Amino acid sequence: MQTTTGTSVDLRAVADAGIDPGIAWGAELRDLATAMATGERLDESRSALIRVADRRVTAAAVGVCANFEMMNRILDATGCPVPARLRHLEGLLGIAGPQ
């Protein structure tokens, strides 16, 4: 469990849908983020979050995901190097860094 902000969150839930994140609407937020990243089940996951939260929460979640996507595209387009301390993540993410 991670408690940096005072809220306990099970970060394993990011990679394992069988784990409850331990926060309100956590499973729905994870499903929406996954749908935005893959392009699959987008309408279904967005509607599910609206049902359990509301439109404002869903709009904020979509904004956060869109911001991360924008930052990734900018970094990729400008050729920004991955810091050496983060290169171990390349294997976990299934990407190949500079050789």
C-alpha atoms as a PDB file:
ATOM      1  CA  MET A   1       0.000   0.000   0.000  1.00  0.00           C
ATOM      2  CA  GLN A   2       1.187   3.493  -0.874  1.00  0.00           C
ATOM      3  CA  THR A   3       0.184   6.317   1.468  1.00  0.00           C
ATOM      4  CA  THR A   4       2.167   9.365   0.290  1.00  0.00           C
ATOM      5  CA  THR A   5      -0.894  11.618   0.168  1.00  0.00           C
ATOM      6  CA  GLY A   6      -2.508  10.168   3.257  1.00  0.00           C
ATOM      7  CA  THR A   7      -4.749   7.950   1.135  1.00  0.00           C
ATOM      8  CA  SER A   8      -3.881   4.259   0.993  1.00  0.00           C
ATOM      9  CA  VAL A   9      -3.682   2.980  -2.574  1.00  0.00           C
ATOM     10  CA  ASP A  10      -2.673  -0.499  -3.676  1.00  0.00           C
ATOM     11  CA  LEU A  11      -0.463   0.327  -6.670  1.00  0.00           C
ATOM     12  CA  ARG A  12      -0.417  -3.320  -7.786  1.00  0.00           C
ATOM     13  CA  ALA A  13      -3.953  -2.657  -9.050  1.00  0.00           C
ATOM     14  CA  VAL A  14      -2.482  -0.644 -11.930  1.00  0.00           C
ATOM     15  CA  ALA A  15      -1.194  -3.838 -13.531  1.00  0.00           C
ATOM     16  CA  ASP A  16      -3.609  -6.397 -12.070  1.00  0.00           C
ATOM     17  CA  ALA A  17      -7.351  -5.869 -12.576  1.00  0.00           C
ATOM     18  CA  GLY A  18      -8.006  -8.525  -9.933  1.00  0.00           C
ATOM     19  CA  ILE A  19      -6.663  -6.241  -7.202  1.00  0.00           C
ATOM     20  CA  ASP A  20      -8.885  -3.575  -5.661  1.00  0.00           C
ATOM     21  CA  PRO A  21      -6.984  -0.252  -5.695  1.00  0.00           C
ATOM     22  CA  GLY A  22      -8.638   0.656  -2.410  1.00  0.00           C
ATOM     23  CA  ILE A  23      -9.936   4.059  -3.499  1.00  0.00           C
ATOM     24  CA  ALA A  24     -13.337   5.309  -4.562  1.00  0.00           C
ATOM     25  CA  TRP A  25     -13.996   4.415  -8.179  1.00  0.00           C
ATOM     26  CA  GLY A  26     -10.504   2.912  -8.428  1.00  0.00           C
ATOM     27  CA  ALA A  27     -11.447   0.038 -10.700  1.00  0.00           C
ATOM     28  CA  GLU A  28     -13.443   2.337 -12.976  1.00  0.00           C
ATOM     29  CA  LEU A  29     -10.590   4.867 -13.118  1.00  0.00           C
ATOM     30  CA  ARG A  30      -8.139   2.087 -14.010  1.00  0.00           C
ATOM     31  CA  ASP A  31     -10.481   0.767 -16.695  1.00  0.00           C
ATOM     32  CA  LEU A  32     -10.902   4.226 -18.219  1.00  0.00           C
ATOM     33  CA  ALA A  33      -7.136   4.846 -18.252  1.00  0.00           C
ATOM     34  CA  THR A  34      -6.596   1.450 -19.881  1.00  0.00           C
ATOM     35  CA  ALA A  35      -9.291   2.183 -22.468  1.00  0.00           C
ATOM     36  CA  MET A  36      -7.717   5.536 -23.289  1.00  0.00           C
ATOM     37  CA  ALA A  37      -4.304   3.913 -23.717  1.00  0.00           C
ATOM     38  CA  THR A  38      -5.548   1.016 -25.857  1.00  0.00           C
ATOM     39  CA  GLY A  39      -8.530   2.562 -27.628  1.00  0.00           C
ATOM     40  CA  GLU A  40     -10.641  -0.425 -26.582  1.00  0.00           C
ATOM     41  CA  ARG A  41     -13.897  -0.247 -24.575  1.00  0.00           C
ATOM     42  CA  LEU A  42     -13.676   3.556 -24.326  1.00  0.00           C
ATOM     43  CA  ASP A  43     -17.425   4.275 -24.360  1.00  0.00           C
ATOM     44  CA  GLU A  44     -18.133   1.444 -21.928  1.00  0.00           C
ATOM     45  CA  SER A  45     -15.465   2.460 -19.417  1.00  0.00           C
ATOM     46  CA  ARG A  46     -16.353   6.150 -19.600  1.00  0.00           C
ATOM     47  CA  SER A  47     -20.018   5.358 -18.980  1.00  0.00           C
ATOM     48  CA  ALA A  48     -19.117   3.097 -16.053  1.00  0.00           C
ATOM     49  CA  LEU A  49     -17.161   5.884 -14.351  1.00  0.00           C
ATOM     50  CA  ILE A  50     -19.975   8.372 -14.943  1.00  0.00           C
ATOM     51  CA  ARG A  51     -22.401   5.925 -13.301  1.00  0.00           C
ATOM     52  CA  VAL A  52     -20.379   5.479 -10.095  1.00  0.00           C
ATOM     53  CA  ALA A  53     -18.897   8.971  -9.858  1.00  0.00           C
ATOM     54  CA  ASP A  54     -20.263  11.745 -12.063  1.00  0.00           C
ATOM     55  CA  ARG A  55     -19.459  13.666 -15.222  1.00  0.00           C
ATOM     56  CA  ARG A  56     -17.086  16.107 -13.467  1.00  0.00           C
ATOM     57  CA  VAL A  57     -14.955  13.286 -12.030  1.00  0.00           C
ATOM     58  CA  THR A  58     -14.918  11.562 -15.418  1.00  0.00           C
ATOM     59  CA  ALA A  59     -13.952  14.759 -17.235  1.00  0.00           C
ATOM     60  CA  ALA A  60     -11.108  15.331 -14.754  1.00  0.00           C
ATOM     61  CA  ALA A  61      -9.874  11.745 -15.227  1.00  0.00           C
ATOM     62  CA  VAL A  62      -9.941  12.119 -19.019  1.00  0.00           C
ATOM     63  CA  GLY A  63      -8.013  15.399 -18.660  1.00  0.00           C
ATOM     64  CA  VAL A  64      -5.300  13.746 -16.560  1.00  0.00           C
ATOM     65  CA  CYS A  65      -4.910  10.905 -19.071  1.00  0.00           C
ATOM     66  CA  ALA A  66      -4.827  13.346 -21.985  1.00  0.00           C
ATOM     67  CA  ASN A  67      -2.160  15.445 -20.257  1.00  0.00           C
ATOM     68  CA  PHE A  68       0.095  12.424 -19.770  1.00  0.00           C
ATOM     69  CA  GLU A  69      -0.402  11.448 -23.420  1.00  0.00           C
ATOM     70  CA  MET A  70       0.510  14.974 -24.510  1.00  0.00           C
ATOM     71  CA  MET A  71       3.672  14.994 -22.377  1.00  0.00           C
ATOM     72  CA  ASN A  72       4.734  11.605 -23.742  1.00  0.00           C
ATOM     73  CA  ARG A  73       4.260  12.771 -27.328  1.00  0.00           C
ATOM     74  CA  ILE A  74       6.254  15.937 -26.737  1.00  0.00           C
ATOM     75  CA  LEU A  75       9.110  14.023 -25.112  1.00  0.00           C
ATOM     76  CA  ASP A  76       9.098  11.443 -27.896  1.00  0.00           C
ATOM     77  CA  ALA A  77       8.949  14.045 -30.681  1.00  0.00           C
ATOM     78  CA  THR A  78      11.814  16.079 -29.240  1.00  0.00           C
ATOM     79  CA  GLY A  79      14.018  13.045 -28.655  1.00  0.00           C
ATOM     80  CA  CYS A  80      14.308  13.699 -24.946  1.00  0.00           C
ATOM     81  CA  PRO A  81      16.574  10.992 -23.494  1.00  0.00           C
ATOM     82  CA  VAL A  82      15.390   8.720 -20.718  1.00  0.00           C
ATOM     83  CA  PRO A  83      17.461   9.361 -17.575  1.00  0.00           C
ATOM     84  CA  ALA A  84      19.791   6.470 -16.717  1.00  0.00           C
ATOM     85  CA  ARG A  85      18.034   5.979 -13.361  1.00  0.00           C
ATOM     86  CA  LEU A  86      14.780   5.158 -15.212  1.00  0.00           C
ATOM     87  CA  ARG A  87      16.158   2.879 -17.931  1.00  0.00           C
ATOM     88  CA  HIS A  88      15.254  -0.227 -15.927  1.00  0.00           C
ATOM     89  CA  LEU A  89      11.614   0.601 -16.732  1.00  0.00           C
ATOM     90  CA  GLU A  90      12.160   0.005 -20.440  1.00  0.00           C
ATOM     91  CA  GLY A  91      12.042  -3.762 -19.983  1.00  0.00           C
ATOM     92  CA  LEU A  92       8.958  -3.569 -17.808  1.00  0.00           C
ATOM     93  CA  LEU A  93       7.187  -1.461 -20.426  1.00  0.00           C
ATOM     94  CA  GLY A  94       8.337  -3.592 -23.345  1.00  0.00           C
ATOM     95  CA  ILE A  95      10.205  -0.807 -25.105  1.00  0.00           C
ATOM     96  CA  ALA A  96      13.761  -0.582 -26.364  1.00  0.00           C
ATOM     97  CA  GLY A  97      15.841   2.426 -25.411  1.00  0.00           C
ATOM     98  CA  PRO A  98      18.947   3.750 -27.111  1.00  0.00           C
ATOM     99  CA  GLN A  99      21.669   1.176 -27.634  1.00  0.00           C
END
